[in-house]
């Protein structure tokens, strides 16, 4: 799976979570903190799952 597709899916997930937090009247600063954390996790997981294997060393 490509990194771009992975990030798009994660951004859709984050958007849904932000929307749910707004509906539940969560304070905007906490929505921002949660969004930043989720974006960081998305980048870390995306790189981890789409990174090529390192060639074996000799």
PDB file of N, CA and C in Angstrom:
ATOM      1  N   UNK A   1       0.842  -1.161   0.000  1.00  0.00           N
ATOM      2  CA  UNK A   1       0.000   0.000   0.000  1.00  0.00           C
ATOM      3  C   UNK A   1       0.896   1.235   0.000  1.00  0.00           C
ATOM      4  N   UNK A   2       0.487   2.258  -0.748  1.00  0.00           N
ATOM      5  CA  UNK A   2       1.329   3.451  -0.828  1.00  0.00           C
ATOM      6  C   UNK A   2       1.097   4.371   0.369  1.00  0.00           C
ATOM      7  N   UNK A   3       2.100   5.166   0.633  1.00  0.00           N
ATOM      8  CA  UNK A   3       2.053   6.092   1.772  1.00  0.00           C
ATOM      9  C   UNK A   3       0.918   7.108   1.604  1.00  0.00           C
ATOM     10  N   UNK A   4       0.708   7.587   0.373  1.00  0.00           N
ATOM     11  CA  UNK A   4      -0.339   8.581   0.130  1.00  0.00           C
ATOM     12  C   UNK A   4      -1.723   8.051   0.437  1.00  0.00           C
ATOM     13  N   UNK A   5      -2.009   6.838   0.002  1.00  0.00           N
ATOM     14  CA  UNK A   5      -3.318   6.237   0.272  1.00  0.00           C
ATOM     15  C   UNK A   5      -3.499   6.035   1.770  1.00  0.00           C
ATOM     16  N   UNK A   6      -2.461   5.611   2.437  1.00  0.00           N
ATOM     17  CA  UNK A   6      -2.509   5.403   3.883  1.00  0.00           C
ATOM     18  C   UNK A   6      -2.836   6.723   4.591  1.00  0.00           C
ATOM     19  N   UNK A   7      -2.154   7.794   4.198  1.00  0.00           N
ATOM     20  CA  UNK A   7      -2.404   9.084   4.849  1.00  0.00           C
ATOM     21  C   UNK A   7      -3.798   9.622   4.556  1.00  0.00           C
ATOM     22  N   UNK A   8      -4.279   9.451   3.336  1.00  0.00           N
ATOM     23  CA  UNK A   8      -5.630   9.919   3.004  1.00  0.00           C
ATOM     24  C   UNK A   8      -6.654   9.213   3.886  1.00  0.00           C
ATOM     25  N   UNK A   9      -6.518   7.906   4.039  1.00  0.00           N
ATOM     26  CA  UNK A   9      -7.437   7.167   4.899  1.00  0.00           C
ATOM     27  C   UNK A   9      -7.372   7.627   6.338  1.00  0.00           C
ATOM     28  N   UNK A  10      -6.182   7.881   6.820  1.00  0.00           N
ATOM     29  CA  UNK A  10      -6.031   8.334   8.194  1.00  0.00           C
ATOM     30  C   UNK A  10      -6.598   9.751   8.365  1.00  0.00           C
ATOM     31  N   UNK A  11      -6.439  10.607   7.358  1.00  0.00           N
ATOM     32  CA  UNK A  11      -7.002  11.959   7.446  1.00  0.00           C
ATOM     33  C   UNK A  11      -8.527  11.919   7.455  1.00  0.00           C
ATOM     34  N   UNK A  12      -9.125  10.997   6.720  1.00  0.00           N
ATOM     35  CA  UNK A  12     -10.580  10.844   6.769  1.00  0.00           C
ATOM     36  C   UNK A  12     -11.011  10.415   8.173  1.00  0.00           C
ATOM     37  N   UNK A  13     -10.266   9.488   8.769  1.00  0.00           N
ATOM     38  CA  UNK A  13     -10.549   9.056  10.134  1.00  0.00           C
ATOM     39  C   UNK A  13     -10.436  10.229  11.111  1.00  0.00           C
ATOM     40  N   UNK A  14      -9.381  11.006  10.991  1.00  0.00           N
ATOM     41  CA  UNK A  14      -9.180  12.154  11.884  1.00  0.00           C
ATOM     42  C   UNK A  14     -10.311  13.163  11.703  1.00  0.00           C
ATOM     43  N   UNK A  15     -10.709  13.395  10.451  1.00  0.00           N
ATOM     44  CA  UNK A  15     -11.821  14.319  10.201  1.00  0.00           C
ATOM     45  C   UNK A  15     -13.106  13.865  10.878  1.00  0.00           C
ATOM     46  N   UNK A  16     -13.387  12.569  10.825  1.00  0.00           N
ATOM     47  CA  UNK A  16     -14.572  12.045  11.499  1.00  0.00           C
ATOM     48  C   UNK A  16     -14.501  12.197  13.000  1.00  0.00           C
ATOM     49  N   UNK A  17     -13.320  11.959  13.555  1.00  0.00           N
ATOM     50  CA  UNK A  17     -13.160  12.129  15.001  1.00  0.00           C
ATOM     51  C   UNK A  17     -13.299  13.586  15.421  1.00  0.00           C
ATOM     52  N   UNK A  18     -12.779  14.500  14.604  1.00  0.00           N
ATOM     53  CA  UNK A  18     -12.930  15.927  14.911  1.00  0.00           C
ATOM     54  C   UNK A  18     -14.401  16.323  14.854  1.00  0.00           C
ATOM     55  N   UNK A  19     -15.100  15.846  13.854  1.00  0.00           N
ATOM     56  CA  UNK A  19     -16.527  16.147  13.711  1.00  0.00           C
ATOM     57  C   UNK A  19     -17.295  15.633  14.938  1.00  0.00           C
ATOM     58  N   UNK A  20     -17.003  14.405  15.367  1.00  0.00           N
ATOM     59  CA  UNK A  20     -17.663  13.847  16.544  1.00  0.00           C
ATOM     60  C   UNK A  20     -17.346  14.674  17.791  1.00  0.00           C
ATOM     61  N   UNK A  21     -16.110  15.133  17.923  1.00  0.00           N
ATOM     62  CA  UNK A  21     -15.738  15.944  19.086  1.00  0.00           C
ATOM     63  C   UNK A  21     -16.471  17.281  19.076  1.00  0.00           C
ATOM     64  N   UNK A  22     -16.655  17.861  17.895  1.00  0.00           N
ATOM     65  CA  UNK A  22     -17.399  19.132  17.806  1.00  0.00           C
ATOM     66  C   UNK A  22     -18.853  18.916  18.209  1.00  0.00           C
ATOM     67  N   UNK A  23     -19.445  17.822  17.724  1.00  0.00           N
ATOM     68  CA  UNK A  23     -20.841  17.524  18.069  1.00  0.00           C
ATOM     69  C   UNK A  23     -20.993  17.305  19.578  1.00  0.00           C
ATOM     70  N   UNK A  24     -19.974  16.707  20.197  1.00  0.00           N
ATOM     71  CA  UNK A  24     -20.011  16.456  21.637  1.00  0.00           C
ATOM     72  C   UNK A  24     -19.583  17.672  22.467  1.00  0.00           C
ATOM     73  N   UNK A  25     -19.327  18.802  21.801  1.00  0.00           N
ATOM     74  CA  UNK A  25     -18.966  20.067  22.450  1.00  0.00           C
ATOM     75  C   UNK A  25     -17.672  19.971  23.257  1.00  0.00           C
ATOM     76  N   UNK A  26     -16.683  19.295  22.680  1.00  0.00           N
ATOM     77  CA  UNK A  26     -15.357  19.245  23.293  1.00  0.00           C
ATOM     78  C   UNK A  26     -14.677  20.600  23.045  1.00  0.00           C
ATOM     79  N   UNK A  27     -13.922  21.064  23.994  1.00  0.00           N
ATOM     80  CA  UNK A  27     -13.241  22.357  23.875  1.00  0.00           C
ATOM     81  C   UNK A  27     -12.298  22.350  22.659  1.00  0.00           C
ATOM     82  N   UNK A  28     -12.294  23.447  21.883  1.00  0.00           N
ATOM     83  CA  UNK A  28     -11.489  23.491  20.650  1.00  0.00           C
ATOM     84  C   UNK A  28      -9.998  23.218  20.861  1.00  0.00           C
ATOM     85  N   UNK A  29      -9.424  23.654  21.982  1.00  0.00           N
ATOM     86  CA  UNK A  29      -7.994  23.410  22.184  1.00  0.00           C
ATOM     87  C   UNK A  29      -7.720  21.912  22.324  1.00  0.00           C
ATOM     88  N   UNK A  30      -8.647  21.157  22.909  1.00  0.00           N
ATOM     89  CA  UNK A  30      -8.450  19.710  23.042  1.00  0.00           C
ATOM     90  C   UNK A  30      -8.662  18.993  21.712  1.00  0.00           C
ATOM     91  N   UNK A  31      -9.541  19.533  20.891  1.00  0.00           N
ATOM     92  CA  UNK A  31      -9.709  18.979  19.547  1.00  0.00           C
ATOM     93  C   UNK A  31      -8.413  19.169  18.771  1.00  0.00           C
ATOM     94  N   UNK A  32      -7.794  20.344  18.889  1.00  0.00           N
ATOM     95  CA  UNK A  32      -6.527  20.610  18.212  1.00  0.00           C
ATOM     96  C   UNK A  32      -5.411  19.713  18.702  1.00  0.00           C
ATOM     97  N   UNK A  33      -5.326  19.527  20.017  1.00  0.00           N
ATOM     98  CA  UNK A  33      -4.294  18.657  20.586  1.00  0.00           C
ATOM     99  C   UNK A  33      -4.484  17.228  20.081  1.00  0.00           C
ATOM    100  N   UNK A  34      -5.702  16.747  20.108  1.00  0.00           N
ATOM    101  CA  UNK A  34      -5.984  15.397  19.627  1.00  0.00           C
ATOM    102  C   UNK A  34      -5.671  15.235  18.153  1.00  0.00           C
ATOM    103  N   UNK A  35      -6.001  16.250  17.352  1.00  0.00           N
ATOM    104  CA  UNK A  35      -5.732  16.187  15.914  1.00  0.00           C
ATOM    105  C   UNK A  35      -4.226  16.144  15.634  1.00  0.00           C
ATOM    106  N   UNK A  36      -3.459  16.938  16.350  1.00  0.00           N
ATOM    107  CA  UNK A  36      -2.003  16.948  16.153  1.00  0.00           C
ATOM    108  C   UNK A  36      -1.401  15.596  16.533  1.00  0.00           C
ATOM    109  N   UNK A  37      -1.871  15.032  17.636  1.00  0.00           N
ATOM    110  CA  UNK A  37      -1.370  13.716  18.050  1.00  0.00           C
ATOM    111  C   UNK A  37      -1.724  12.660  17.009  1.00  0.00           C
ATOM    112  N   UNK A  38      -2.960  12.688  16.515  1.00  0.00           N
ATOM    113  CA  UNK A  38      -3.393  11.700  15.518  1.00  0.00           C
ATOM    114  C   UNK A  38      -2.625  11.850  14.209  1.00  0.00           C
ATOM    115  N   UNK A  39      -2.330  13.074  13.795  1.00  0.00           N
ATOM    116  CA  UNK A  39      -1.548  13.289  12.569  1.00  0.00           C
ATOM    117  C   UNK A  39      -0.141  12.725  12.748  1.00  0.00           C
ATOM    118  N   UNK A  40       0.447  12.959  13.908  1.00  0.00           N
ATOM    119  CA  UNK A  40       1.769  12.390  14.186  1.00  0.00           C
ATOM    120  C   UNK A  40       1.756  10.871  14.144  1.00  0.00           C
ATOM    121  N   UNK A  41       0.730  10.264  14.742  1.00  0.00           N
ATOM    122  CA  UNK A  41       0.605   8.808  14.698  1.00  0.00           C
ATOM    123  C   UNK A  41       0.402   8.307  13.272  1.00  0.00           C
ATOM    124  N   UNK A  42      -0.363   9.060  12.480  1.00  0.00           N
ATOM    125  CA  UNK A  42      -0.595   8.658  11.093  1.00  0.00           C
ATOM    126  C   UNK A  42       0.708   8.638  10.309  1.00  0.00           C
ATOM    127  N   UNK A  43       1.533   9.638  10.498  1.00  0.00           N
ATOM    128  CA  UNK A  43       2.817   9.689   9.790  1.00  0.00           C
ATOM    129  C   UNK A  43       3.716   8.544  10.238  1.00  0.00           C
ATOM    130  N   UNK A  44       3.801   8.325  11.550  1.00  0.00           N
ATOM    131  CA  UNK A  44       4.638   7.239  12.060  1.00  0.00           C
ATOM    132  C   UNK A  44       4.176   5.879  11.547  1.00  0.00           C
ATOM    133  N   UNK A  45       2.882   5.604  11.633  1.00  0.00           N
ATOM    134  CA  UNK A  45       2.366   4.312  11.183  1.00  0.00           C
ATOM    135  C   UNK A  45       2.465   4.174   9.665  1.00  0.00           C
ATOM    136  N   UNK A  46       2.254   5.267   8.936  1.00  0.00           N
ATOM    137  CA  UNK A  46       2.358   5.212   7.483  1.00  0.00           C
ATOM    138  C   UNK A  46       3.760   4.894   7.020  1.00  0.00           C
ATOM    139  N   UNK A  47       4.730   5.521   7.629  1.00  0.00           N
ATOM    140  CA  UNK A  47       6.128   5.254   7.275  1.00  0.00           C
ATOM    141  C   UNK A  47       6.501   3.828   7.667  1.00  0.00           C
ATOM    142  N   UNK A  48       6.049   3.398   8.823  1.00  0.00           N
ATOM    143  CA  UNK A  48       6.370   2.064   9.309  1.00  0.00           C
ATOM    144  C   UNK A  48       5.788   0.982   8.397  1.00  0.00           C
ATOM    145  N   UNK A  49       4.564   1.168   7.933  1.00  0.00           N
ATOM    146  CA  UNK A  49       3.925   0.110   7.153  1.00  0.00           C
ATOM    147  C   UNK A  49       4.267   0.165   5.672  1.00  0.00           C
ATOM    148  N   UNK A  50       4.735   1.290   5.162  1.00  0.00           N
ATOM    149  CA  UNK A  50       5.040   1.388   3.735  1.00  0.00           C
ATOM    150  C   UNK A  50       6.534   1.442   3.445  1.00  0.00           C
ATOM    151  N   UNK A  51       7.357   1.466   4.465  1.00  0.00           N
ATOM    152  CA  UNK A  51       8.808   1.535   4.284  1.00  0.00           C
ATOM    153  C   UNK A  51       9.319   0.225   3.702  1.00  0.00           C
ATOM    154  N   UNK A  52      10.244   0.314   2.767  1.00  0.00           N
ATOM    155  CA  UNK A  52      10.845  -0.877   2.193  1.00  0.00           C
ATOM    156  C   UNK A  52      11.773  -1.550   3.180  1.00  0.00           C
ATOM    157  N   UNK A  53      11.943  -2.830   3.017  1.00  0.00           N
ATOM    158  CA  UNK A  53      12.846  -3.572   3.893  1.00  0.00           C
ATOM    159  C   UNK A  53      14.293  -3.158   3.599  1.00  0.00           C
ATOM    160  N   UNK A  54      15.082  -3.075   4.655  1.00  0.00           N
ATOM    161  CA  UNK A  54      16.511  -2.784   4.487  1.00  0.00           C
ATOM    162  C   UNK A  54      17.204  -4.000   3.886  1.00  0.00           C
ATOM    163  N   UNK A  55      18.106  -3.772   2.957  1.00  0.00           N
ATOM    164  CA  UNK A  55      18.826  -4.923   2.390  1.00  0.00           C
ATOM    165  C   UNK A  55      19.717  -5.560   3.459  1.00  0.00           C
ATOM    166  N   UNK A  56      19.892  -6.868   3.381  1.00  0.00           N
ATOM    167  CA  UNK A  56      20.744  -7.509   4.391  1.00  0.00           C
ATOM    168  C   UNK A  56      22.192  -7.054   4.273  1.00  0.00           C
ATOM    169  N   UNK A  57      22.811  -6.836   5.410  1.00  0.00           N
ATOM    170  CA  UNK A  57      24.210  -6.414   5.387  1.00  0.00           C
ATOM    171  C   UNK A  57      25.113  -7.636   5.294  1.00  0.00           C
ATOM    172  N   UNK A  58      26.269  -7.423   4.706  1.00  0.00           N
ATOM    173  CA  UNK A  58      27.209  -8.549   4.554  1.00  0.00           C
ATOM    174  C   UNK A  58      28.396  -8.371   5.451  1.00  0.00           C
TER     175      UNK A  58
END
